[in-house]
PDB file of N, CA and C in Angstrom:
ATOM      1  N   MET A   1     113.815 101.336  98.606  1.00  0.00           N
ATOM      2  CA  MET A   1     115.398 101.393  99.256  1.00  0.00           C
ATOM      3  C   MET A   1     115.383 102.009 100.259  1.00  0.00           C
ATOM      4  N   ASN A   2     114.513 103.000 100.689  1.00  0.00           N
ATOM      5  CA  ASN A   2     114.520 103.697 101.842  1.00  0.00           C
ATOM      6  C   ASN A   2     113.979 102.834 103.248  1.00  0.00           C
ATOM      7  N   GLY A   3     112.915 101.901 102.620  1.00  0.00           N
ATOM      8  CA  GLY A   3     112.294 100.897 103.702  1.00  0.00           C
ATOM      9  C   GLY A   3     113.480 100.337 104.061  1.00  0.00           C
ATOM     10  N   ILE A   4     113.920  99.380 102.815  1.00  0.00           N
ATOM     11  CA  ILE A   4     115.076  98.275 103.415  1.00  0.00           C
ATOM     12  C   ILE A   4     115.947  98.904 104.471  1.00  0.00           C
ATOM     13  N   ASP A   5     116.968  99.979 104.031  1.00  0.00           N
ATOM     14  CA  ASP A   5     117.434 100.866 104.860  1.00  0.00           C
ATOM     15  C   ASP A   5     117.133 101.082 105.937  1.00  0.00           C
ATOM     16  N   ALA A   6     115.723 101.500 106.007  1.00  0.00           N
ATOM     17  CA  ALA A   6     115.412 101.798 107.715  1.00  0.00           C
ATOM     18  C   ALA A   6     115.322 100.480 108.669  1.00  0.00           C
ATOM     19  N   MET A   7     115.298  99.403 108.039  1.00  0.00           N
ATOM     20  CA  MET A   7     115.174  98.518 109.001  1.00  0.00           C
ATOM     21  C   MET A   7     116.779  97.538 108.984  1.00  0.00           C
ATOM     22  N   ALA A   8     117.629  98.204 108.893  1.00  0.00           N
ATOM     23  CA  ALA A   8     119.171  97.739 109.097  1.00  0.00           C
ATOM     24  C   ALA A   8     119.254  97.694 110.268  1.00  0.00           C
ATOM     25  N   GLU A   9     118.601  98.195 111.517  1.00  0.00           N
ATOM     26  CA  GLU A   9     119.123  97.866 112.762  1.00  0.00           C
ATOM     27  C   GLU A   9     117.887  96.972 113.581  1.00  0.00           C
ATOM     28  N   VAL A  10     117.039  96.785 112.630  1.00  0.00           N
ATOM     29  CA  VAL A  10     116.140  96.042 113.124  1.00  0.00           C
ATOM     30  C   VAL A  10     116.442  94.073 113.298  1.00  0.00           C
ATOM     31  N   ALA A  11     116.028  93.956 114.242  1.00  0.00           N
ATOM     32  CA  ALA A  11     116.650  92.216 114.335  1.00  0.00           C
ATOM     33  C   ALA A  11     115.852  91.481 113.060  1.00  0.00           C
ATOM     34  N   ALA A  12     116.350  90.523 112.438  1.00  0.00           N
ATOM     35  CA  ALA A  12     116.150  89.832 111.007  1.00  0.00           C
ATOM     36  C   ALA A  12     114.746  89.567 111.219  1.00  0.00           C
ATOM     37  N   GLN A  13     114.536  88.808 112.150  1.00  0.00           N
ATOM     38  CA  GLN A  13     113.036  88.126 112.217  1.00  0.00           C
ATOM     39  C   GLN A  13     111.620  89.297 112.551  1.00  0.00           C
ATOM     40  N   SER A  14     112.304  90.603 112.732  1.00  0.00           N
ATOM     41  CA  SER A  14     111.058  91.533 112.759  1.00  0.00           C
ATOM     42  C   SER A  14     111.097  92.302 111.387  1.00  0.00           C
ATOM     43  N   ARG A  15     111.828  92.173 110.771  1.00  0.00           N
ATOM     44  CA  ARG A  15     111.920  93.043 109.397  1.00  0.00           C
ATOM     45  C   ARG A  15     110.843  92.681 108.362  1.00  0.00           C
ATOM     46  N   ARG A  16     109.886  93.261 108.244  1.00  0.00           N
ATOM     47  CA  ARG A  16     108.986  93.301 107.355  1.00  0.00           C
ATOM     48  C   ARG A  16     108.598  94.526 106.246  1.00  0.00           C
ATOM     49  N   LEU A  17     108.793  94.609 104.673  1.00  0.00           N
ATOM     50  CA  LEU A  17     108.719  95.287 104.171  1.00  0.00           C
ATOM     51  C   LEU A  17     107.291  95.127 103.356  1.00  0.00           C
ATOM     52  N   VAL A  18     106.132  95.953 103.295  1.00  0.00           N
ATOM     53  CA  VAL A  18     104.690  95.563 102.740  1.00  0.00           C
ATOM     54  C   VAL A  18     104.403  96.658 101.523  1.00  0.00           C
ATOM     55  N   ILE A  19     104.200  96.138 100.248  1.00  0.00           N
ATOM     56  CA  ILE A  19     104.213  97.251  99.444  1.00  0.00           C
ATOM     57  C   ILE A  19     102.712  96.776  98.946  1.00  0.00           C
ATOM     58  N   SER A  20     101.650  97.661  99.164  1.00  0.00           N
ATOM     59  CA  SER A  20     100.338  97.681  98.354  1.00  0.00           C
ATOM     60  C   SER A  20      99.625  98.668  97.449  1.00  0.00           C
ATOM     61  N   CYS A  21      98.963  98.030  96.728  1.00  0.00           N
ATOM     62  CA  CYS A  21      98.324  99.086  96.313  1.00  0.00           C
ATOM     63  C   CYS A  21      96.604  99.245  96.409  1.00  0.00           C
ATOM     64  N   GLU A  22      96.002 100.168  96.059  1.00  0.00           N
ATOM     65  CA  GLU A  22      94.383 100.335  95.928  1.00  0.00           C
ATOM     66  C   GLU A  22      93.997 101.627  95.167  1.00  0.00           C
ATOM     67  N   ARG A  23      92.973 101.692  94.981  1.00  0.00           N
ATOM     68  CA  ARG A  23      92.125 102.684  94.481  1.00  0.00           C
ATOM     69  C   ARG A  23      92.168 104.004  95.590  1.00  0.00           C
ATOM     70  N   GLY A  24      92.421 105.149  94.922  1.00  0.00           N
ATOM     71  CA  GLY A  24      92.579 106.097  95.889  1.00  0.00           C
ATOM     72  C   GLY A  24      91.502 107.432  94.767  1.00  0.00           C
ATOM     73  N   GLN A  25      91.704 108.285  95.818  1.00  0.00           N
ATOM     74  CA  GLN A  25      90.957 109.626  95.301  1.00  0.00           C
ATOM     75  C   GLN A  25      91.872 110.830  95.630  1.00  0.00           C
ATOM     76  N   GLY A  26      92.725 111.626  94.651  1.00  0.00           N
ATOM     77  CA  GLY A  26      93.271 112.588  94.573  1.00  0.00           C
ATOM     78  C   GLY A  26      92.817 113.481  94.263  1.00  0.00           C
ATOM     79  N   GLU A  27      93.460 114.977  94.630  1.00  0.00           N
ATOM     80  CA  GLU A  27      92.532 116.363  94.371  1.00  0.00           C
ATOM     81  C   GLU A  27      92.266 116.085  92.825  1.00  0.00           C
ATOM     82  N   THR A  28      93.070 115.295  92.045  1.00  0.00           N
ATOM     83  CA  THR A  28      92.626 115.783  90.371  1.00  0.00           C
ATOM     84  C   THR A  28      91.469 114.619  89.878  1.00  0.00           C
ATOM     85  N   GLY A  29      91.343 113.579  90.814  1.00  0.00           N
ATOM     86  CA  GLY A  29      90.389 112.511  90.679  1.00  0.00           C
ATOM     87  C   GLY A  29      91.237 111.117  90.858  1.00  0.00           C
ATOM     88  N   PRO A  30      90.528 110.178  90.470  1.00  0.00           N
ATOM     89  CA  PRO A  30      90.332 109.135  90.726  1.00  0.00           C
ATOM     90  C   PRO A  30      92.132 108.636  90.552  1.00  0.00           C
ATOM     91  N   GLY A  31      92.871 107.588  91.273  1.00  0.00           N
ATOM     92  CA  GLY A  31      94.337 107.336  90.883  1.00  0.00           C
ATOM     93  C   GLY A  31      94.649 106.034  91.993  1.00  0.00           C
ATOM     94  N   VAL A  32      95.763 105.652  92.056  1.00  0.00           N
ATOM     95  CA  VAL A  32      96.142 104.455  92.527  1.00  0.00           C
ATOM     96  C   VAL A  32      97.244 104.727  93.217  1.00  0.00           C
ATOM     97  N   LEU A  33      96.498 104.253  94.866  1.00  0.00           N
ATOM     98  CA  LEU A  33      97.074 104.452  96.145  1.00  0.00           C
ATOM     99  C   LEU A  33      98.487 103.481  96.367  1.00  0.00           C
ATOM    100  N   VAL A  34      99.474 103.884  96.150  1.00  0.00           N
ATOM    101  CA  VAL A  34     100.808 102.896  96.349  1.00  0.00           C
ATOM    102  C   VAL A  34     101.038 102.829  97.703  1.00  0.00           C
ATOM    103  N   ALA A  35     101.503 102.137  98.578  1.00  0.00           N
ATOM    104  CA  ALA A  35     101.850 102.324  99.881  1.00  0.00           C
ATOM    105  C   ALA A  35     102.983 101.294 100.284  1.00  0.00           C
ATOM    106  N   VAL A  36     104.228 101.684 100.927  1.00  0.00           N
ATOM    107  CA  VAL A  36     105.341 101.003 101.243  1.00  0.00           C
ATOM    108  C   VAL A  36     105.708 101.271 102.988  1.00  0.00           C
ATOM    109  N   GLN A  37     105.705 100.034 103.574  1.00  0.00           N
ATOM    110  CA  GLN A  37     105.270 100.169 104.837  1.00  0.00           C
ATOM    111  C   GLN A  37     106.401  99.298 105.278  1.00  0.00           C
ATOM    112  N   ASP A  38     107.458 100.100 106.334  1.00  0.00           N
ATOM    113  CA  ASP A  38     108.574  99.116 106.628  1.00  0.00           C
ATOM    114  C   ASP A  38     108.609  99.149 108.411  1.00  0.00           C
ATOM    115  N   ALA A  39     109.278  98.329 108.777  1.00  0.00           N
ATOM    116  CA  ALA A  39     109.315  98.098 110.311  1.00  0.00           C
ATOM    117  C   ALA A  39     110.811  98.387 110.886  1.00  0.00           C
ATOM    118  N   GLY A  40     111.108  99.705 110.288  1.00  0.00           N
ATOM    119  CA  GLY A  40     112.453  99.983 110.498  1.00  0.00           C
ATOM    120  C   GLY A  40     112.060 100.964 112.066  1.00  0.00           C
ATOM    121  N   MET A  41     112.945 101.556 112.357  1.00  0.00           N
ATOM    122  CA  MET A  41     113.081 102.171 113.725  1.00  0.00           C
ATOM    123  C   MET A  41     112.421 103.825 113.515  1.00  0.00           C
ATOM    124  N   VAL A  42     111.622 103.842 114.221  1.00  0.00           N
ATOM    125  CA  VAL A  42     110.905 105.299 114.043  1.00  0.00           C
ATOM    126  C   VAL A  42     111.642 106.306 114.709  1.00  0.00           C
ATOM    127  N   ARG A  43     112.308 107.152 113.561  1.00  0.00           N
ATOM    128  CA  ARG A  43     113.071 108.461 114.017  1.00  0.00           C
ATOM    129  C   ARG A  43     112.837 109.548 112.913  1.00  0.00           C
ATOM    130  N   MET A  44     111.979 109.424 112.721  1.00  0.00           N
ATOM    131  CA  MET A  44     111.630 110.293 111.229  1.00  0.00           C
ATOM    132  C   MET A  44     110.807 111.351 112.141  1.00  0.00           C
ATOM    133  N   THR A  45     110.621 112.420 111.588  1.00  0.00           N
ATOM    134  CA  THR A  45     109.972 113.488 111.853  1.00  0.00           C
ATOM    135  C   THR A  45     108.899 114.122 110.791  1.00  0.00           C
ATOM    136  N   SER A  46     107.831 113.659 110.806  1.00  0.00           N
ATOM    137  CA  SER A  46     107.001 114.083 109.272  1.00  0.00           C
ATOM    138  C   SER A  46     107.407 115.097 108.305  1.00  0.00           C
ATOM    139  N   ARG A  47     107.391 116.011 109.603  1.00  0.00           N
ATOM    140  CA  ARG A  47     106.992 117.329 109.176  1.00  0.00           C
ATOM    141  C   ARG A  47     108.636 117.622 108.371  1.00  0.00           C
ATOM    142  N   LEU A  48     109.734 116.997 108.649  1.00  0.00           N
ATOM    143  CA  LEU A  48     111.135 117.353 108.311  1.00  0.00           C
ATOM    144  C   LEU A  48     111.722 116.081 106.938  1.00  0.00           C
ATOM    145  N   LEU A  49     110.684 115.089 107.071  1.00  0.00           N
ATOM    146  CA  LEU A  49     111.026 113.981 106.329  1.00  0.00           C
ATOM    147  C   LEU A  49     111.312 114.238 104.819  1.00  0.00           C
ATOM    148  N   PHE A  50     110.540 114.989 103.892  1.00  0.00           N
ATOM    149  CA  PHE A  50     110.475 115.481 102.774  1.00  0.00           C
ATOM    150  C   PHE A  50     111.582 116.566 102.507  1.00  0.00           C
ATOM    151  N   GLU A  51     111.951 117.293 103.485  1.00  0.00           N
ATOM    152  CA  GLU A  51     112.995 118.182 103.364  1.00  0.00           C
ATOM    153  C   GLU A  51     114.195 118.210 102.879  1.00  0.00           C
ATOM    154  N   PRO A  52     115.047 118.802 101.994  1.00  0.00           N
ATOM    155  CA  PRO A  52     116.090 118.542 101.057  1.00  0.00           C
ATOM    156  C   PRO A  52     117.135 118.261 102.375  1.00  0.00           C
ATOM    157  N   PHE A  53     118.188 117.562 102.281  1.00  0.00           N
ATOM    158  CA  PHE A  53     119.273 117.188 103.211  1.00  0.00           C
ATOM    159  C   PHE A  53     119.006 116.976 104.532  1.00  0.00           C
ATOM    160  N   PHE A  54     117.683 116.736 104.698  1.00  0.00           N
ATOM    161  CA  PHE A  54     117.337 115.872 105.977  1.00  0.00           C
ATOM    162  C   PHE A  54     117.174 114.644 105.747  1.00  0.00           C
ATOM    163  N   THR A  55     117.885 113.621 106.773  1.00  0.00           N
ATOM    164  CA  THR A  55     118.178 112.511 106.311  1.00  0.00           C
ATOM    165  C   THR A  55     118.489 111.864 107.742  1.00  0.00           C
ATOM    166  N   THR A  56     117.777 110.420 107.961  1.00  0.00           N
ATOM    167  CA  THR A  56     118.055 109.463 109.172  1.00  0.00           C
ATOM    168  C   THR A  56     119.048 108.627 109.014  1.00  0.00           C
ATOM    169  N   LYS A  57     119.815 108.388 108.195  1.00  0.00           N
ATOM    170  CA  LYS A  57     120.938 107.431 107.519  1.00  0.00           C
ATOM    171  C   LYS A  57     122.264 108.155 107.769  1.00  0.00           C
ATOM    172  N   ARG A  58     122.981 107.057 108.156  1.00  0.00           N
ATOM    173  CA  ARG A  58     124.308 107.600 108.475  1.00  0.00           C
ATOM    174  C   ARG A  58     124.774 108.238 107.080  1.00  0.00           C
ATOM    175  N   ASP A  59     125.083 107.332 105.989  1.00  0.00           N
ATOM    176  CA  ASP A  59     125.375 107.916 104.860  1.00  0.00           C
ATOM    177  C   ASP A  59     124.385 108.381 104.123  1.00  0.00           C
ATOM    178  N   GLY A  60     123.196 108.988 104.363  1.00  0.00           N
ATOM    179  CA  GLY A  60     121.913 109.226 103.597  1.00  0.00           C
ATOM    180  C   GLY A  60     122.607 110.839 103.231  1.00  0.00           C
ATOM    181  N   LEU A  61     122.052 111.306 102.248  1.00  0.00           N
ATOM    182  CA  LEU A  61     122.362 112.521 101.496  1.00  0.00           C
ATOM    183  C   LEU A  61     120.998 113.592 101.991  1.00  0.00           C
ATOM    184  N   GLY A  62     120.006 112.871 101.901  1.00  0.00           N
ATOM    185  CA  GLY A  62     118.551 113.513 102.163  1.00  0.00           C
ATOM    186  C   GLY A  62     118.136 113.992 101.049  1.00  0.00           C
ATOM    187  N   MET A  63     118.009 113.758 100.106  1.00  0.00           N
ATOM    188  CA  MET A  63     117.745 114.007  98.770  1.00  0.00           C
ATOM    189  C   MET A  63     116.310 113.310  98.091  1.00  0.00           C
ATOM    190  N   GLY A  64     116.475 111.880  98.270  1.00  0.00           N
ATOM    191  CA  GLY A  64     115.770 110.908  97.537  1.00  0.00           C
ATOM    192  C   GLY A  64     114.341 111.412  97.949  1.00  0.00           C
ATOM    193  N   LEU A  65     113.817 111.877  98.992  1.00  0.00           N
ATOM    194  CA  LEU A  65     112.353 111.986  99.247  1.00  0.00           C
ATOM    195  C   LEU A  65     111.757 113.416  98.495  1.00  0.00           C
ATOM    196  N   SER A  66     112.671 114.377  98.760  1.00  0.00           N
ATOM    197  CA  SER A  66     112.700 115.316  98.521  1.00  0.00           C
ATOM    198  C   SER A  66     112.184 115.539  96.902  1.00  0.00           C
ATOM    199  N   ILE A  67     113.130 114.876  96.078  1.00  0.00           N
ATOM    200  CA  ILE A  67     112.931 114.894  94.778  1.00  0.00           C
ATOM    201  C   ILE A  67     111.992 113.918  94.640  1.00  0.00           C
ATOM    202  N   ALA A  68     111.862 112.787  95.090  1.00  0.00           N
ATOM    203  CA  ALA A  68     110.513 111.785  94.695  1.00  0.00           C
ATOM    204  C   ALA A  68     109.129 112.813  95.051  1.00  0.00           C
ATOM    205  N   ARG A  69     109.041 113.505  96.079  1.00  0.00           N
ATOM    206  CA  ARG A  69     107.998 114.420  96.151  1.00  0.00           C
ATOM    207  C   ARG A  69     107.885 115.675  95.237  1.00  0.00           C
ATOM    208  N   SER A  70     108.740 116.226  94.955  1.00  0.00           N
ATOM    209  CA  SER A  70     108.720 117.335  93.524  1.00  0.00           C
ATOM    210  C   SER A  70     108.401 116.638  92.536  1.00  0.00           C
ATOM    211  N   ILE A  71     108.725 115.509  91.889  1.00  0.00           N
ATOM    212  CA  ILE A  71     108.373 114.899  90.767  1.00  0.00           C
ATOM    213  C   ILE A  71     107.144 114.203  90.780  1.00  0.00           C
ATOM    214  N   ALA A  72     106.704 113.766  91.997  1.00  0.00           N
ATOM    215  CA  ALA A  72     104.934 113.343  92.166  1.00  0.00           C
ATOM    216  C   ALA A  72     104.025 114.729  91.778  1.00  0.00           C
ATOM    217  N   GLU A  73     104.892 115.578  92.741  1.00  0.00           N
ATOM    218  CA  GLU A  73     103.667 116.930  92.564  1.00  0.00           C
ATOM    219  C   GLU A  73     104.072 117.745  90.973  1.00  0.00           C
ATOM    220  N   ALA A  74     104.543 117.250  90.531  1.00  0.00           N
ATOM    221  CA  ALA A  74     105.138 118.033  88.906  1.00  0.00           C
ATOM    222  C   ALA A  74     104.036 117.522  88.113  1.00  0.00           C
ATOM    223  N   HIS A  75     103.726 116.343  88.571  1.00  0.00           N
ATOM    224  CA  HIS A  75     102.899 115.475  87.644  1.00  0.00           C
ATOM    225  C   HIS A  75     101.207 115.175  88.160  1.00  0.00           C
ATOM    226  N   GLY A  76     100.984 115.961  89.347  1.00  0.00           N
ATOM    227  CA  GLY A  76      99.688 116.069  89.751  1.00  0.00           C
ATOM    228  C   GLY A  76      99.060 115.073  90.590  1.00  0.00           C
ATOM    229  N   GLY A  77     100.577 114.335  91.348  1.00  0.00           N
ATOM    230  CA  GLY A  77     100.285 113.490  92.209  1.00  0.00           C
ATOM    231  C   GLY A  77     100.697 113.844  93.516  1.00  0.00           C
ATOM    232  N   ARG A  78     100.714 113.170  94.777  1.00  0.00           N
ATOM    233  CA  ARG A  78     101.418 113.155  96.323  1.00  0.00           C
ATOM    234  C   ARG A  78     102.317 111.861  96.669  1.00  0.00           C
ATOM    235  N   LEU A  79     103.042 112.857  97.351  1.00  0.00           N
ATOM    236  CA  LEU A  79     103.899 111.465  98.224  1.00  0.00           C
ATOM    237  C   LEU A  79     103.848 112.256  99.810  1.00  0.00           C
ATOM    238  N   TRP A  80     103.290 111.607 100.533  1.00  0.00           N
ATOM    239  CA  TRP A  80     103.642 111.615 101.926  1.00  0.00           C
ATOM    240  C   TRP A  80     103.745 110.423 102.899  1.00  0.00           C
ATOM    241  N   ALA A  81     104.102 110.689 104.172  1.00  0.00           N
ATOM    242  CA  ALA A  81     104.406 109.535 105.187  1.00  0.00           C
ATOM    243  C   ALA A  81     103.642 109.538 106.306  1.00  0.00           C
ATOM    244  N   ARG A  82     103.475 108.447 107.015  1.00  0.00           N
ATOM    245  CA  ARG A  82     102.961 108.614 108.449  1.00  0.00           C
ATOM    246  C   ARG A  82     103.881 107.611 109.438  1.00  0.00           C
ATOM    247  N   ARG A  83     103.822 107.713 110.511  1.00  0.00           N
ATOM    248  CA  ARG A  83     104.059 106.559 111.190  1.00  0.00           C
ATOM    249  C   ARG A  83     103.140 105.560 111.595  1.00  0.00           C
ATOM    250  N   LYS A  84     103.541 104.465 111.796  1.00  0.00           N
ATOM    251  CA  LYS A  84     102.855 103.428 111.735  1.00  0.00           C
ATOM    252  C   LYS A  84     103.828 102.048 111.903  1.00  0.00           C
ATOM    253  N   ARG A  85     104.283 101.717 113.447  1.00  0.00           N
ATOM    254  CA  ARG A  85     104.945 100.687 113.351  1.00  0.00           C
ATOM    255  C   ARG A  85     106.316 100.599 112.164  1.00  0.00           C
ATOM    256  N   GLY A  86     107.004 101.601 112.481  1.00  0.00           N
ATOM    257  CA  GLY A  86     108.078 101.817 111.392  1.00  0.00           C
ATOM    258  C   GLY A  86     107.667 103.128 110.742  1.00  0.00           C
ATOM    259  N   SER A  87     107.466 103.284 109.250  1.00  0.00           N
ATOM    260  CA  SER A  87     106.958 104.082 108.793  1.00  0.00           C
ATOM    261  C   SER A  87     106.029 103.805 107.569  1.00  0.00           C
ATOM    262  N   ARG A  88     105.418 104.188 106.964  1.00  0.00           N
ATOM    263  CA  ARG A  88     104.387 104.292 105.754  1.00  0.00           C
ATOM    264  C   ARG A  88     104.624 105.036 104.705  1.00  0.00           C
ATOM    265  N   THR A  89     104.871 105.157 103.958  1.00  0.00           N
ATOM    266  CA  THR A  89     105.021 106.293 102.979  1.00  0.00           C
ATOM    267  C   THR A  89     103.933 106.144 101.470  1.00  0.00           C
ATOM    268  N   HIS A  90     103.415 107.016 101.179  1.00  0.00           N
ATOM    269  CA  HIS A  90     102.130 106.652 100.332  1.00  0.00           C
ATOM    270  C   HIS A  90     102.633 107.458  99.303  1.00  0.00           C
ATOM    271  N   PHE A  91     102.245 106.879  97.940  1.00  0.00           N
ATOM    272  CA  PHE A  91     102.618 107.738  96.811  1.00  0.00           C
ATOM    273  C   PHE A  91     101.324 107.511  95.835  1.00  0.00           C
ATOM    274  N   LEU A  92     100.451 108.746  95.855  1.00  0.00           N
ATOM    275  CA  LEU A  92      99.226 108.816  94.886  1.00  0.00           C
ATOM    276  C   LEU A  92      99.316 109.504  93.519  1.00  0.00           C
ATOM    277  N   PRO A  93      99.752 108.618  92.388  1.00  0.00           N
ATOM    278  CA  PRO A  93      99.947 109.300  91.470  1.00  0.00           C
ATOM    279  C   PRO A  93      98.345 109.738  90.480  1.00  0.00           C
ATOM    280  N   PRO A  94      98.167 110.693  89.518  1.00  0.00           N
ATOM    281  CA  PRO A  94      96.905 110.918  88.882  1.00  0.00           C
ATOM    282  C   PRO A  94      96.960 109.768  88.141  1.00  0.00           C
ATOM    283  N   ALA A  95      95.643 109.317  87.874  1.00  0.00           N
ATOM    284  CA  ALA A  95      95.487 108.164  86.865  1.00  0.00           C
ATOM    285  C   ALA A  95      95.148 108.770  85.556  1.00  0.00           C
ATOM    286  N   SER A  96      96.147 108.180  84.498  1.00  0.00           N
ATOM    287  CA  SER A  96      95.585 108.758  83.096  1.00  0.00           C
ATOM    288  C   SER A  96      94.629 107.749  82.757  1.00  0.00           C
ATOM    289  N   GLY A  97      93.625 107.903  82.295  1.00  0.00           N
ATOM    290  CA  GLY A  97      92.686 107.239  81.467  1.00  0.00           C
ATOM    291  C   GLY A  97      91.544 107.042  82.475  1.00  0.00           C
ATOM    292  N   ALA A  98      91.485 107.677  83.190  1.00  0.00           N
ATOM    293  CA  ALA A  98      90.624 108.113  84.849  1.00  0.00           C
ATOM    294  C   ALA A  98      89.251 107.613  84.546  1.00  0.00           C
ATOM    295  N   SER A  99      88.555 107.619  83.032  1.00  0.00           N
ATOM    296  CA  SER A  99      87.332 106.979  82.938  1.00  0.00           C
ATOM    297  C   SER A  99      87.279 105.724  82.233  1.00  0.00           C
ATOM    298  N   ASP A 100      88.678 104.937  82.581  1.00  0.00           N
ATOM    299  CA  ASP A 100      88.447 103.818  82.128  1.00  0.00           C
ATOM    300  C   ASP A 100      88.042 103.295  83.609  1.00  0.00           C
ATOM    301  N   PRO A 101      87.095 102.055  83.653  1.00  0.00           N
ATOM    302  CA  PRO A 101      86.420 101.259  84.746  1.00  0.00           C
ATOM    303  C   PRO A 101      87.210 100.527  85.322  1.00  0.00           C
ATOM    304  N   ARG A 102      88.235 100.222  84.640  1.00  0.00           N
ATOM    305  CA  ARG A 102      89.249  99.099  85.439  1.00  0.00           C
ATOM    306  C   ARG A 102      89.877  99.776  86.080  1.00  0.00           C
ATOM    307  N   ILE A 103      90.025 101.127  86.394  1.00  0.00           N
ATOM    308  CA  ILE A 103      91.215 101.852  87.236  1.00  0.00           C
ATOM    309  C   ILE A 103      90.301 101.960  88.355  1.00  0.00           C
TER     310      ILE A 103
END
């Protein structure tokens, strides 16, 4: 929803939301790297993006990404963002059954 909301001010023909996943390597071993990239206006400060009550939305509370990061880290994963023609948010949960060669 953050990616979709971020593109509200972008011309319709320029809106693009890309969700991808691939093998990743976390601190606790292999996992699945999930990335969400939007073409929204870049107003974020990576350093503040996950701080409680920081928001770039008019009607935002600034709690969603902070809570999501806390949940990811509590389960041994990571959640971070980078600027890249909009923003790209990455989520790397730990793999359960990491010894399974299909992961």
